[in-house]
Amino acid sequence: MRESEAANHVVPVTTVGALGGLLAAQEVPDATDDRSRGIARGADLLDRLDEIRHALLSGTIARERLVELRRHVQAQRTAFDDARLDAVLDEIDLRASVELAKLGITP
């Protein structure tokens, strides 16, 4: 390519402006971001509960897993302001406390 041809081959400003707009739009958080994070946290907690359920049924639950579950539940309480979710987290926390008590550990 000749120098004169290279100088004439310039990206239009509208393309650069459109790209900048797209990048700016991606950086702005919206309500769906919070919802997506909430769904991901819920799915993670359900996965942990399922693992613990299997361990309880097989009689091989580790104390550390129950303690970790309680810590995780307590951390989730501060992430949301929802009375129904708080009630579910209270039940999970209570159940983990009961299982720890069965193992002779005071939570």
C-alpha atoms as a PDB file:
ATOM      1  CA  MET A   1       0.000   0.000   0.000  1.00  0.00           C
ATOM      2  CA  ARG A   2       1.394   3.415  -0.933  1.00  0.00           C
ATOM      3  CA  GLU A   3       1.770   6.203   1.609  1.00  0.00           C
ATOM      4  CA  SER A   4      -0.886   8.277  -0.091  1.00  0.00           C
ATOM      5  CA  GLU A   5      -3.335   5.358  -0.047  1.00  0.00           C
ATOM      6  CA  ALA A   6      -2.587   4.682   3.636  1.00  0.00           C
ATOM      7  CA  ALA A   7      -3.237   8.317   4.486  1.00  0.00           C
ATOM      8  CA  ASN A   8      -6.597   8.176   2.717  1.00  0.00           C
ATOM      9  CA  HIS A   9      -7.601   4.974   4.532  1.00  0.00           C
ATOM     10  CA  VAL A  10      -8.980   6.493   7.728  1.00  0.00           C
ATOM     11  CA  VAL A  11     -11.663   5.051   9.985  1.00  0.00           C
ATOM     12  CA  PRO A  12     -14.734   7.280   9.928  1.00  0.00           C
ATOM     13  CA  VAL A  13     -15.404   9.211  13.131  1.00  0.00           C
ATOM     14  CA  THR A  14     -18.954   7.857  13.335  1.00  0.00           C
ATOM     15  CA  THR A  15     -17.606   4.313  13.692  1.00  0.00           C
ATOM     16  CA  VAL A  16     -15.310   5.330  16.523  1.00  0.00           C
ATOM     17  CA  GLY A  17     -18.143   7.267  18.177  1.00  0.00           C
ATOM     18  CA  ALA A  18     -20.501   4.301  17.909  1.00  0.00           C
ATOM     19  CA  LEU A  19     -17.890   1.998  19.404  1.00  0.00           C
ATOM     20  CA  GLY A  20     -17.343   4.413  22.279  1.00  0.00           C
ATOM     21  CA  GLY A  21     -21.091   4.489  22.918  1.00  0.00           C
ATOM     22  CA  LEU A  22     -21.275   0.715  23.027  1.00  0.00           C
ATOM     23  CA  LEU A  23     -18.378   0.497  25.448  1.00  0.00           C
ATOM     24  CA  ALA A  24     -19.913   3.159  27.677  1.00  0.00           C
ATOM     25  CA  ALA A  25     -23.268   1.353  27.691  1.00  0.00           C
ATOM     26  CA  GLN A  26     -21.595  -1.863  28.804  1.00  0.00           C
ATOM     27  CA  GLU A  27     -20.022  -0.135  31.793  1.00  0.00           C
ATOM     28  CA  VAL A  28     -23.302   1.245  33.165  1.00  0.00           C
ATOM     29  CA  PRO A  29     -24.792  -1.165  35.719  1.00  0.00           C
ATOM     30  CA  ASP A  30     -28.496  -1.822  35.493  1.00  0.00           C
ATOM     31  CA  ALA A  31     -31.147  -3.703  37.462  1.00  0.00           C
ATOM     32  CA  THR A  32     -30.501  -6.914  35.542  1.00  0.00           C
ATOM     33  CA  ASP A  33     -26.907  -6.965  36.846  1.00  0.00           C
ATOM     34  CA  ASP A  34     -28.164  -7.055  40.443  1.00  0.00           C
ATOM     35  CA  ARG A  35     -30.730  -9.705  39.556  1.00  0.00           C
ATOM     36  CA  SER A  36     -28.092 -11.810  37.793  1.00  0.00           C
ATOM     37  CA  ARG A  37     -25.771 -11.574  40.781  1.00  0.00           C
ATOM     38  CA  GLY A  38     -28.641 -12.526  43.087  1.00  0.00           C
ATOM     39  CA  ILE A  39     -29.495 -15.535  40.944  1.00  0.00           C
ATOM     40  CA  ALA A  40     -25.855 -16.613  40.871  1.00  0.00           C
ATOM     41  CA  ARG A  41     -25.591 -16.303  44.679  1.00  0.00           C
ATOM     42  CA  GLY A  42     -28.795 -18.277  45.102  1.00  0.00           C
ATOM     43  CA  ALA A  43     -27.603 -21.017  42.763  1.00  0.00           C
ATOM     44  CA  ASP A  44     -24.290 -21.214  44.635  1.00  0.00           C
ATOM     45  CA  LEU A  45     -26.089 -21.512  47.973  1.00  0.00           C
ATOM     46  CA  LEU A  46     -28.417 -24.208  46.616  1.00  0.00           C
ATOM     47  CA  ASP A  47     -25.410 -26.161  45.339  1.00  0.00           C
ATOM     48  CA  ARG A  48     -23.803 -25.974  48.793  1.00  0.00           C
ATOM     49  CA  LEU A  49     -27.039 -27.085  50.439  1.00  0.00           C
ATOM     50  CA  ASP A  50     -27.338 -30.022  48.066  1.00  0.00           C
ATOM     51  CA  GLU A  51     -23.789 -31.147  48.857  1.00  0.00           C
ATOM     52  CA  ILE A  52     -24.510 -30.889  52.581  1.00  0.00           C
ATOM     53  CA  ARG A  53     -27.792 -32.789  52.180  1.00  0.00           C
ATOM     54  CA  HIS A  54     -25.936 -35.661  50.520  1.00  0.00           C
ATOM     55  CA  ALA A  55     -23.292 -35.627  53.247  1.00  0.00           C
ATOM     56  CA  LEU A  56     -25.954 -35.639  55.991  1.00  0.00           C
ATOM     57  CA  LEU A  57     -27.768 -38.552  54.371  1.00  0.00           C
ATOM     58  CA  SER A  58     -24.569 -40.542  54.117  1.00  0.00           C
ATOM     59  CA  GLY A  59     -23.476 -39.564  57.635  1.00  0.00           C
ATOM     60  CA  THR A  60     -20.225 -38.024  56.455  1.00  0.00           C
ATOM     61  CA  ILE A  61     -20.764 -34.341  57.102  1.00  0.00           C
ATOM     62  CA  ALA A  62     -17.662 -32.360  57.986  1.00  0.00           C
ATOM     63  CA  ARG A  63     -17.909 -29.738  60.706  1.00  0.00           C
ATOM     64  CA  GLU A  64     -15.992 -27.310  58.558  1.00  0.00           C
ATOM     65  CA  ARG A  65     -18.646 -27.493  55.843  1.00  0.00           C
ATOM     66  CA  LEU A  66     -21.401 -26.608  58.287  1.00  0.00           C
ATOM     67  CA  VAL A  67     -19.372 -23.749  59.745  1.00  0.00           C
ATOM     68  CA  GLU A  68     -18.614 -22.525  56.230  1.00  0.00           C
ATOM     69  CA  LEU A  69     -22.308 -22.725  55.343  1.00  0.00           C
ATOM     70  CA  ARG A  70     -23.238 -20.620  58.366  1.00  0.00           C
ATOM     71  CA  ARG A  71     -20.605 -18.011  57.460  1.00  0.00           C
ATOM     72  CA  HIS A  72     -21.820 -17.939  53.869  1.00  0.00           C
ATOM     73  CA  VAL A  73     -25.450 -17.540  54.948  1.00  0.00           C
ATOM     74  CA  GLN A  74     -24.556 -14.731  57.324  1.00  0.00           C
ATOM     75  CA  ALA A  75     -22.624 -12.949  54.579  1.00  0.00           C
ATOM     76  CA  GLN A  76     -25.614 -13.227  52.226  1.00  0.00           C
ATOM     77  CA  ARG A  77     -27.895 -11.476  54.715  1.00  0.00           C
ATOM     78  CA  THR A  78     -26.109  -8.188  54.172  1.00  0.00           C
ATOM     79  CA  ALA A  79     -26.285  -8.494  50.382  1.00  0.00           C
ATOM     80  CA  PHE A  80     -30.078  -8.263  50.113  1.00  0.00           C
ATOM     81  CA  ASP A  81     -32.989  -6.483  51.732  1.00  0.00           C
ATOM     82  CA  ASP A  82     -35.770  -9.059  51.318  1.00  0.00           C
ATOM     83  CA  ALA A  83     -37.834 -10.382  54.249  1.00  0.00           C
ATOM     84  CA  ARG A  84     -38.670 -13.670  52.503  1.00  0.00           C
ATOM     85  CA  LEU A  85     -35.035 -14.324  51.680  1.00  0.00           C
ATOM     86  CA  ASP A  86     -34.053 -13.473  55.246  1.00  0.00           C
ATOM     87  CA  ALA A  87     -36.584 -16.056  56.505  1.00  0.00           C
ATOM     88  CA  VAL A  88     -35.069 -18.744  54.259  1.00  0.00           C
ATOM     89  CA  LEU A  89     -31.558 -17.810  55.365  1.00  0.00           C
ATOM     90  CA  ASP A  90     -32.721 -17.999  59.008  1.00  0.00           C
ATOM     91  CA  GLU A  91     -33.981 -21.540  58.425  1.00  0.00           C
ATOM     92  CA  ILE A  92     -30.731 -22.597  56.783  1.00  0.00           C
ATOM     93  CA  ASP A  93     -28.712 -21.051  59.605  1.00  0.00           C
ATOM     94  CA  LEU A  94     -30.877 -22.786  62.212  1.00  0.00           C
ATOM     95  CA  ARG A  95     -30.523 -26.173  60.504  1.00  0.00           C
ATOM     96  CA  ALA A  96     -26.747 -25.782  60.267  1.00  0.00           C
ATOM     97  CA  SER A  97     -26.659 -24.828  63.969  1.00  0.00           C
ATOM     98  CA  VAL A  98     -28.704 -27.918  64.881  1.00  0.00           C
ATOM     99  CA  GLU A  99     -26.374 -30.185  62.910  1.00  0.00           C
ATOM    100  CA  LEU A 100     -23.345 -28.591  64.571  1.00  0.00           C
ATOM    101  CA  ALA A 101     -24.960 -29.136  67.969  1.00  0.00           C
ATOM    102  CA  LYS A 102     -25.472 -32.811  67.095  1.00  0.00           C
ATOM    103  CA  LEU A 103     -21.740 -32.996  66.459  1.00  0.00           C
ATOM    104  CA  GLY A 104     -21.099 -31.434  69.871  1.00  0.00           C
ATOM    105  CA  ILE A 105     -20.086 -28.035  68.532  1.00  0.00           C
ATOM    106  CA  THR A 106     -21.656 -24.865  69.902  1.00  0.00           C
ATOM    107  CA  PRO A 107     -22.084 -22.448  66.998  1.00  0.00           C
END
